[in-house]
Amino acid sequence: MNVRLAFALFSILLLGAPGYAQNPCTDCLKSAQEQLAQCLGHAISQEDKKSCAERQQAKATVCENAACVIERANIQNNTDVLPRRNKGSVR
């Protein structure tokens, strides 16, 4: 019974998850780029444009230090869990 319940919940989570939220690192970096474009659209002086670029760099750094680190750790954990195939054995 517990196996069926777990399978049903896993299926719902897997099928119900939105596609855009599957890569938080890319989403974060894309958001930083969109904010930069919007900021540059409103910038008047070179100093405004420089400020926009600095804010975008700060946001990208936050992404790299948060969402991207977590994503890389998850990817590393997933590859660590997979069994390694012995090249010397013939099946």
N, C-alpha and C. Protein backbone atom coordinates (compact mmCIF):
# COMPACT_ATOMS: atom_id res chain seq x y z
N MET A 1 0.82 -1.19 0.00
CA MET A 1 0.00 0.00 0.00
C MET A 1 0.87 1.26 0.00
N ASN A 2 1.90 1.26 0.84
CA ASN A 2 2.77 2.43 0.90
C ASN A 2 3.51 2.66 -0.41
N VAL A 3 3.84 1.59 -1.10
CA VAL A 3 4.53 1.71 -2.38
C VAL A 3 3.62 2.37 -3.40
N ARG A 4 2.36 1.96 -3.41
CA ARG A 4 1.40 2.56 -4.34
C ARG A 4 1.21 4.04 -4.05
N LEU A 5 1.10 4.39 -2.78
CA LEU A 5 0.92 5.77 -2.39
C LEU A 5 2.14 6.60 -2.79
N ALA A 6 3.32 6.08 -2.52
CA ALA A 6 4.55 6.79 -2.88
C ALA A 6 4.64 6.96 -4.39
N PHE A 7 4.31 5.93 -5.14
CA PHE A 7 4.35 6.01 -6.60
C PHE A 7 3.35 7.04 -7.11
N ALA A 8 2.16 7.05 -6.54
CA ALA A 8 1.14 8.01 -6.96
C ALA A 8 1.57 9.45 -6.66
N LEU A 9 2.11 9.68 -5.48
CA LEU A 9 2.56 11.02 -5.13
C LEU A 9 3.73 11.46 -6.00
N PHE A 10 4.65 10.55 -6.25
CA PHE A 10 5.80 10.87 -7.10
C PHE A 10 5.33 11.20 -8.51
N SER A 11 4.37 10.44 -9.03
CA SER A 11 3.84 10.70 -10.37
C SER A 11 3.18 12.06 -10.46
N ILE A 12 2.42 12.40 -9.44
CA ILE A 12 1.76 13.71 -9.42
C ILE A 12 2.79 14.83 -9.39
N LEU A 13 3.80 14.68 -8.56
CA LEU A 13 4.84 15.70 -8.48
C LEU A 13 5.61 15.81 -9.79
N LEU A 14 5.91 14.70 -10.38
CA LEU A 14 6.69 14.69 -11.62
C LEU A 14 5.89 15.29 -12.77
N LEU A 15 4.65 14.90 -12.90
CA LEU A 15 3.83 15.38 -14.01
C LEU A 15 3.28 16.78 -13.76
N GLY A 16 3.12 17.14 -12.50
CA GLY A 16 2.53 18.43 -12.17
C GLY A 16 3.53 19.56 -12.07
N ALA A 17 4.82 19.26 -12.08
CA ALA A 17 5.84 20.32 -11.95
C ALA A 17 5.91 21.13 -13.23
N PRO A 18 5.88 22.44 -13.11
CA PRO A 18 5.98 23.28 -14.31
C PRO A 18 7.36 23.18 -14.94
N GLY A 19 7.42 23.24 -16.26
CA GLY A 19 8.68 23.09 -16.97
C GLY A 19 9.64 24.22 -16.76
N TYR A 20 9.12 25.43 -16.52
CA TYR A 20 10.01 26.58 -16.36
C TYR A 20 10.76 26.57 -15.05
N ALA A 21 10.33 25.80 -14.08
CA ALA A 21 10.97 25.82 -12.76
C ALA A 21 11.95 24.67 -12.58
N GLN A 22 12.31 24.03 -13.64
CA GLN A 22 13.19 22.87 -13.51
C GLN A 22 14.66 23.25 -13.48
N ASN A 23 15.00 24.49 -13.78
CA ASN A 23 16.38 24.91 -13.77
C ASN A 23 16.49 26.26 -13.07
N PRO A 24 16.57 26.24 -11.74
CA PRO A 24 16.58 27.50 -10.99
C PRO A 24 17.77 28.39 -11.31
N CYS A 25 18.91 27.81 -11.63
CA CYS A 25 20.10 28.60 -11.96
C CYS A 25 19.85 29.41 -13.22
N THR A 26 19.40 28.75 -14.27
CA THR A 26 19.14 29.44 -15.53
C THR A 26 18.04 30.47 -15.36
N ASP A 27 17.00 30.13 -14.60
CA ASP A 27 15.91 31.07 -14.37
C ASP A 27 16.41 32.33 -13.66
N CYS A 28 17.28 32.16 -12.69
CA CYS A 28 17.82 33.28 -11.94
C CYS A 28 18.68 34.17 -12.84
N LEU A 29 19.57 33.55 -13.62
CA LEU A 29 20.43 34.32 -14.51
C LEU A 29 19.62 35.02 -15.61
N LYS A 30 18.60 34.35 -16.09
CA LYS A 30 17.73 34.95 -17.12
C LYS A 30 17.00 36.16 -16.54
N SER A 31 16.55 36.04 -15.30
CA SER A 31 15.88 37.15 -14.63
C SER A 31 16.82 38.34 -14.49
N ALA A 32 18.08 38.07 -14.16
CA ALA A 32 19.07 39.15 -14.04
C ALA A 32 19.25 39.85 -15.38
N GLN A 33 19.29 39.08 -16.46
CA GLN A 33 19.44 39.67 -17.80
C GLN A 33 18.22 40.51 -18.16
N GLU A 34 17.02 40.02 -17.84
CA GLU A 34 15.79 40.76 -18.13
C GLU A 34 15.75 42.06 -17.35
N GLN A 35 16.18 42.02 -16.08
CA GLN A 35 16.22 43.23 -15.28
C GLN A 35 17.24 44.23 -15.84
N LEU A 36 18.35 43.72 -16.35
CA LEU A 36 19.34 44.59 -16.97
C LEU A 36 18.75 45.29 -18.20
N ALA A 37 18.09 44.54 -19.04
CA ALA A 37 17.49 45.12 -20.24
C ALA A 37 16.46 46.19 -19.88
N GLN A 38 15.65 45.92 -18.87
CA GLN A 38 14.64 46.88 -18.44
C GLN A 38 15.32 48.13 -17.86
N CYS A 39 16.34 47.92 -17.06
CA CYS A 39 17.06 49.04 -16.46
C CYS A 39 17.73 49.90 -17.53
N LEU A 40 18.36 49.24 -18.49
CA LEU A 40 19.03 49.99 -19.57
C LEU A 40 18.02 50.77 -20.41
N GLY A 41 16.82 50.24 -20.54
CA GLY A 41 15.77 50.94 -21.27
C GLY A 41 15.36 52.24 -20.61
N HIS A 42 15.51 52.30 -19.28
CA HIS A 42 15.15 53.50 -18.54
C HIS A 42 16.35 54.39 -18.24
N ALA A 43 17.55 53.90 -18.53
CA ALA A 43 18.77 54.65 -18.21
C ALA A 43 18.90 55.86 -19.13
N ILE A 44 19.33 56.96 -18.56
CA ILE A 44 19.49 58.18 -19.33
C ILE A 44 20.97 58.46 -19.57
N SER A 45 21.75 58.45 -18.51
CA SER A 45 23.16 58.80 -18.63
C SER A 45 24.04 57.55 -18.63
N GLN A 46 25.30 57.75 -18.92
CA GLN A 46 26.28 56.65 -18.86
C GLN A 46 26.38 56.12 -17.44
N GLU A 47 26.26 57.01 -16.47
CA GLU A 47 26.32 56.60 -15.06
C GLU A 47 25.14 55.68 -14.73
N ASP A 48 23.97 55.99 -15.27
CA ASP A 48 22.79 55.12 -15.08
C ASP A 48 23.06 53.74 -15.67
N LYS A 49 23.63 53.71 -16.86
CA LYS A 49 23.93 52.43 -17.52
C LYS A 49 24.96 51.63 -16.74
N LYS A 50 25.95 52.35 -16.18
CA LYS A 50 26.97 51.68 -15.37
C LYS A 50 26.33 51.08 -14.12
N SER A 51 25.42 51.84 -13.51
CA SER A 51 24.71 51.36 -12.32
C SER A 51 23.88 50.12 -12.66
N CYS A 52 23.24 50.11 -13.81
CA CYS A 52 22.45 48.95 -14.25
C CYS A 52 23.35 47.72 -14.38
N ALA A 53 24.50 47.91 -15.00
CA ALA A 53 25.43 46.80 -15.20
C ALA A 53 25.94 46.27 -13.86
N GLU A 54 26.21 47.16 -12.93
CA GLU A 54 26.68 46.75 -11.61
C GLU A 54 25.61 45.96 -10.86
N ARG A 55 24.37 46.43 -10.96
CA ARG A 55 23.27 45.69 -10.31
C ARG A 55 23.07 44.32 -10.94
N GLN A 56 23.20 44.24 -12.27
CA GLN A 56 23.05 42.96 -12.95
C GLN A 56 24.17 42.02 -12.52
N GLN A 57 25.39 42.52 -12.41
CA GLN A 57 26.52 41.70 -11.99
C GLN A 57 26.31 41.18 -10.57
N ALA A 58 25.80 42.05 -9.69
CA ALA A 58 25.53 41.64 -8.31
C ALA A 58 24.46 40.55 -8.27
N LYS A 59 23.42 40.71 -9.06
CA LYS A 59 22.35 39.70 -9.10
C LYS A 59 22.87 38.39 -9.66
N ALA A 60 23.69 38.45 -10.71
CA ALA A 60 24.26 37.24 -11.29
C ALA A 60 25.17 36.53 -10.28
N THR A 61 25.89 37.30 -9.49
CA THR A 61 26.76 36.72 -8.46
C THR A 61 25.92 36.00 -7.41
N VAL A 62 24.80 36.62 -7.02
CA VAL A 62 23.89 35.98 -6.06
C VAL A 62 23.37 34.66 -6.64
N CYS A 63 23.02 34.68 -7.92
CA CYS A 63 22.54 33.46 -8.58
C CYS A 63 23.62 32.38 -8.53
N GLU A 64 24.84 32.75 -8.89
CA GLU A 64 25.95 31.79 -8.91
C GLU A 64 26.23 31.23 -7.53
N ASN A 65 26.07 32.05 -6.50
CA ASN A 65 26.37 31.62 -5.14
C ASN A 65 25.21 30.91 -4.46
N ALA A 66 24.05 30.94 -5.06
CA ALA A 66 22.89 30.30 -4.43
C ALA A 66 22.31 29.22 -5.34
N ALA A 67 21.47 29.62 -6.27
CA ALA A 67 20.74 28.66 -7.11
C ALA A 67 21.67 27.77 -7.92
N CYS A 68 22.73 28.33 -8.46
CA CYS A 68 23.62 27.54 -9.32
C CYS A 68 24.45 26.55 -8.50
N VAL A 69 24.85 26.95 -7.30
CA VAL A 69 25.61 26.04 -6.43
C VAL A 69 24.73 24.85 -6.04
N ILE A 70 23.49 25.15 -5.68
CA ILE A 70 22.56 24.08 -5.30
C ILE A 70 22.33 23.14 -6.48
N GLU A 71 22.13 23.73 -7.66
CA GLU A 71 21.88 22.90 -8.85
C GLU A 71 23.08 22.01 -9.17
N ARG A 72 24.29 22.58 -9.09
CA ARG A 72 25.49 21.78 -9.36
C ARG A 72 25.65 20.67 -8.34
N ALA A 73 25.33 20.96 -7.07
CA ALA A 73 25.42 19.94 -6.03
C ALA A 73 24.42 18.82 -6.30
N ASN A 74 23.21 19.18 -6.73
CA ASN A 74 22.21 18.16 -7.05
C ASN A 74 22.66 17.30 -8.22
N ILE A 75 23.23 17.93 -9.23
CA ILE A 75 23.72 17.17 -10.39
C ILE A 75 24.84 16.24 -9.96
N GLN A 76 25.75 16.74 -9.13
CA GLN A 76 26.86 15.91 -8.65
C GLN A 76 26.34 14.74 -7.83
N ASN A 77 25.35 15.01 -6.96
CA ASN A 77 24.77 13.93 -6.15
C ASN A 77 24.10 12.88 -7.03
N ASN A 78 23.43 13.32 -8.09
CA ASN A 78 22.77 12.37 -8.99
C ASN A 78 23.78 11.50 -9.71
N THR A 79 24.91 12.06 -10.11
CA THR A 79 25.91 11.26 -10.81
C THR A 79 26.65 10.35 -9.84
N ASP A 80 26.76 10.76 -8.57
CA ASP A 80 27.41 9.92 -7.58
C ASP A 80 26.57 8.70 -7.24
N VAL A 81 25.25 8.82 -7.35
CA VAL A 81 24.35 7.73 -6.99
C VAL A 81 24.32 6.66 -8.09
N LEU A 82 24.52 7.07 -9.33
CA LEU A 82 24.46 6.11 -10.42
C LEU A 82 25.62 5.11 -10.31
N PRO A 83 25.33 3.82 -10.47
CA PRO A 83 26.41 2.84 -10.39
C PRO A 83 27.34 2.97 -11.59
N ARG A 84 28.59 2.79 -11.33
CA ARG A 84 29.58 2.86 -12.40
C ARG A 84 29.74 1.48 -13.01
N ARG A 85 29.79 1.46 -14.31
CA ARG A 85 29.89 0.19 -15.04
C ARG A 85 31.36 -0.16 -15.20
N ASN A 86 31.69 -1.39 -14.90
CA ASN A 86 33.06 -1.86 -15.01
C ASN A 86 33.34 -2.16 -16.48
N LYS A 87 34.33 -1.48 -17.06
CA LYS A 87 34.64 -1.64 -18.48
C LYS A 87 35.29 -2.98 -18.77
N GLY A 88 35.88 -3.58 -17.78
CA GLY A 88 36.59 -4.84 -17.99
C GLY A 88 35.69 -6.06 -18.05
N SER A 89 34.50 -5.97 -17.52
CA SER A 89 33.62 -7.13 -17.51
C SER A 89 32.80 -7.20 -18.79
N VAL A 90 32.61 -8.41 -19.27
CA VAL A 90 31.81 -8.64 -20.48
C VAL A 90 30.55 -9.36 -20.07
N ARG A 91 29.44 -8.90 -20.55
CA ARG A 91 28.16 -9.54 -20.18
C ARG A 91 27.57 -10.23 -21.36
